[in-house]
Protein backbone atom coordinates (compact mmCIF):
# COMPACT_ATOMS: atom_id res chain seq x y z
CA UNK A 1 2.15 -9.80 -2.10
CA UNK A 2 0.59 -13.03 -3.84
CA UNK A 3 3.54 -15.40 -1.48
CA UNK A 4 2.54 -13.30 1.94
CA UNK A 5 0.70 -16.63 3.44
CA UNK A 6 4.05 -18.44 2.92
CA UNK A 7 6.17 -15.60 4.32
CA UNK A 8 3.76 -15.36 6.97
CA UNK A 9 3.23 -19.44 7.61
CA UNK A 10 7.22 -19.28 7.95
CA UNK A 11 6.97 -16.63 11.26
CA UNK A 12 4.38 -18.48 12.69
CA UNK A 13 1.36 -15.74 11.48
CA UNK A 14 -1.71 -16.69 9.32
CA UNK A 15 -1.56 -13.28 6.78
CA UNK A 16 -3.06 -14.07 3.26
CA UNK A 17 -3.83 -11.75 0.49
CA UNK A 18 -6.78 -12.35 0.91
CA UNK A 19 -7.48 -11.82 4.59
CA UNK A 20 -5.43 -8.48 4.14
CA UNK A 21 -8.56 -7.48 2.03
CA UNK A 22 -11.55 -8.39 3.61
CA UNK A 23 -10.40 -6.79 6.76
CA UNK A 24 -9.64 -3.76 4.63
CA UNK A 25 -13.51 -4.17 3.31
CA UNK A 26 -15.13 -4.79 6.39
CA UNK A 27 -12.82 -1.69 8.04
CA UNK A 28 -14.48 0.78 5.79
CA UNK A 29 -18.19 -0.55 5.09
CA UNK A 30 -19.47 2.40 7.35
CA UNK A 31 -16.71 4.74 6.72
CA UNK A 32 -18.77 5.53 3.24
CA UNK A 33 -15.32 4.84 1.31
CA UNK A 34 -15.44 3.36 -1.59
CA UNK A 35 -12.55 0.92 -2.09
CA UNK A 36 -10.55 -0.40 -5.07
CA UNK A 37 -7.74 -2.87 -4.48
CA UNK A 38 -5.35 -3.89 -6.95
CA UNK A 39 -2.01 -6.61 -6.52
CA UNK A 40 0.36 -6.76 -9.41
CA UNK A 41 4.19 -7.43 -10.20
CA UNK A 42 4.20 -5.97 -13.17
CA UNK A 43 5.15 -1.78 -13.14
CA UNK A 44 3.02 -1.11 -16.04
CA UNK A 45 -0.55 -1.80 -14.76
CA UNK A 46 0.90 -0.10 -11.32
CA UNK A 47 1.32 2.92 -13.87
CA UNK A 48 -1.94 2.10 -15.43
CA UNK A 49 -3.92 2.24 -12.16
CA UNK A 50 -2.81 5.39 -11.07
CA UNK A 51 -3.21 6.90 -13.97
CA UNK A 52 -6.50 5.74 -14.54
CA UNK A 53 -7.62 6.22 -11.12
CA UNK A 54 -6.58 9.74 -10.47
CA UNK A 55 -9.23 11.39 -10.71
CA UNK A 56 -11.39 9.21 -9.17
CA UNK A 57 -9.24 8.13 -5.81
CA UNK A 58 -9.25 10.63 -2.99
CA UNK A 59 -6.19 8.51 -1.83
CA UNK A 60 -4.27 5.95 -2.26
CA UNK A 61 -2.44 3.22 0.25
CA UNK A 62 1.22 1.73 -1.46
CA UNK A 63 3.19 -1.12 -0.42
CA UNK A 64 6.38 -0.94 -2.94
CA UNK A 65 7.91 -4.16 -1.74
CA UNK A 66 11.04 -3.95 -3.66
CA UNK A 67 10.09 -1.15 -5.94
CA UNK A 68 10.54 0.96 -3.32
CA UNK A 69 14.13 0.81 -4.11
CA UNK A 70 14.73 1.52 -7.84
CA UNK A 71 10.69 2.03 -9.41
CA UNK A 72 11.50 5.60 -10.22
CA UNK A 73 8.39 5.53 -13.06
CA UNK A 74 5.78 4.97 -10.36
CA UNK A 75 7.46 7.79 -8.85
CA UNK A 76 6.41 9.77 -11.86
CA UNK A 77 3.36 8.26 -11.90
CA UNK A 78 1.94 9.20 -8.40
CA UNK A 79 3.60 12.93 -8.63
CA UNK A 80 1.68 13.41 -11.65
CA UNK A 81 -1.46 12.37 -10.38
CA UNK A 82 -1.52 14.30 -7.18
CA UNK A 83 -3.24 11.81 -5.38
CA UNK A 84 -2.25 11.61 -1.29
CA UNK A 85 -0.59 8.58 -0.91
CA UNK A 86 0.29 6.82 2.45
CA UNK A 87 3.47 4.45 1.60
CA UNK A 88 3.15 1.50 3.71
CA UNK A 89 6.50 -0.67 4.68
CA UNK A 90 6.72 -4.37 6.12
CA UNK A 91 8.56 -5.08 9.04
CA UNK A 92 8.92 -8.30 11.57
CA UNK A 93 10.13 -11.02 9.22
CA UNK A 94 8.52 -9.71 6.26
CA UNK A 95 10.96 -8.07 4.44
CA UNK A 96 11.99 -4.96 6.15
CA UNK A 97 12.56 -1.67 4.27
CA UNK A 98 14.01 1.45 5.61
CA UNK A 99 11.71 4.76 5.05
CA UNK A 100 14.86 6.75 4.07
CA UNK A 101 15.76 4.11 1.80
CA UNK A 102 12.67 3.99 -0.16
CA UNK A 103 12.15 6.59 -3.40
CA UNK A 104 8.66 7.47 -2.19
CA UNK A 105 9.00 8.38 0.97
CA UNK A 106 9.55 12.00 0.34
CA UNK A 107 6.58 12.15 -1.99
CA UNK A 108 3.93 10.61 0.44
CA UNK A 109 2.27 12.17 3.31
CA UNK A 110 3.21 9.21 5.61
CA UNK A 111 5.42 5.97 5.98
CA UNK A 112 3.56 3.14 8.18
CA UNK A 113 5.90 0.46 9.38
CA UNK A 114 4.19 -2.59 10.75
CA UNK A 115 3.09 -6.17 10.29
CA UNK A 116 0.72 -6.29 7.04
CA UNK A 117 -2.22 -7.16 9.42
CA UNK A 118 -2.12 -3.47 10.61
CA UNK A 119 -0.38 -1.07 8.22
CA UNK A 120 -3.19 -1.54 6.44
CA UNK A 121 -6.21 -0.38 8.33
CA UNK A 122 -3.82 2.47 10.25
CA UNK A 123 -3.29 3.96 6.55
CA UNK A 124 -6.66 3.54 5.88
CA UNK A 125 -7.30 5.35 9.14
CA UNK A 126 -5.22 8.13 8.10
CA UNK A 127 -6.26 8.49 5.31
CA UNK A 128 -9.64 9.14 5.85
CA UNK A 129 -8.70 11.38 8.84
CA UNK A 130 -7.04 13.51 5.93
CA UNK A 131 -10.55 13.78 4.35
């Protein structure tokens, strides 16, 4: 995720993690949503984030990237935390992952495929409608 700008430049787009974060904060500003954002490549940090926020968070967006195929310890943390989660899977030249191949698909409320600059907003919108 931290190199998203490099990947998007190769595709002729200008998508960066900072732009996604700014877009999300702008989107939720008037929705009454308290947003907490984290990005990590370290499994233990992802698990700690889930565990620390399980009593605070009403819902979660999760873009597993390569973890979608093999990171069962995060899957266990999500199942135990029982936080409604939307899985975000990139497409269109951003490292496509098929929903059927992700180990998280059955445990999530929904899976959204698309480009990084849109699926986060779509995920927030989906979760806001659940509330």
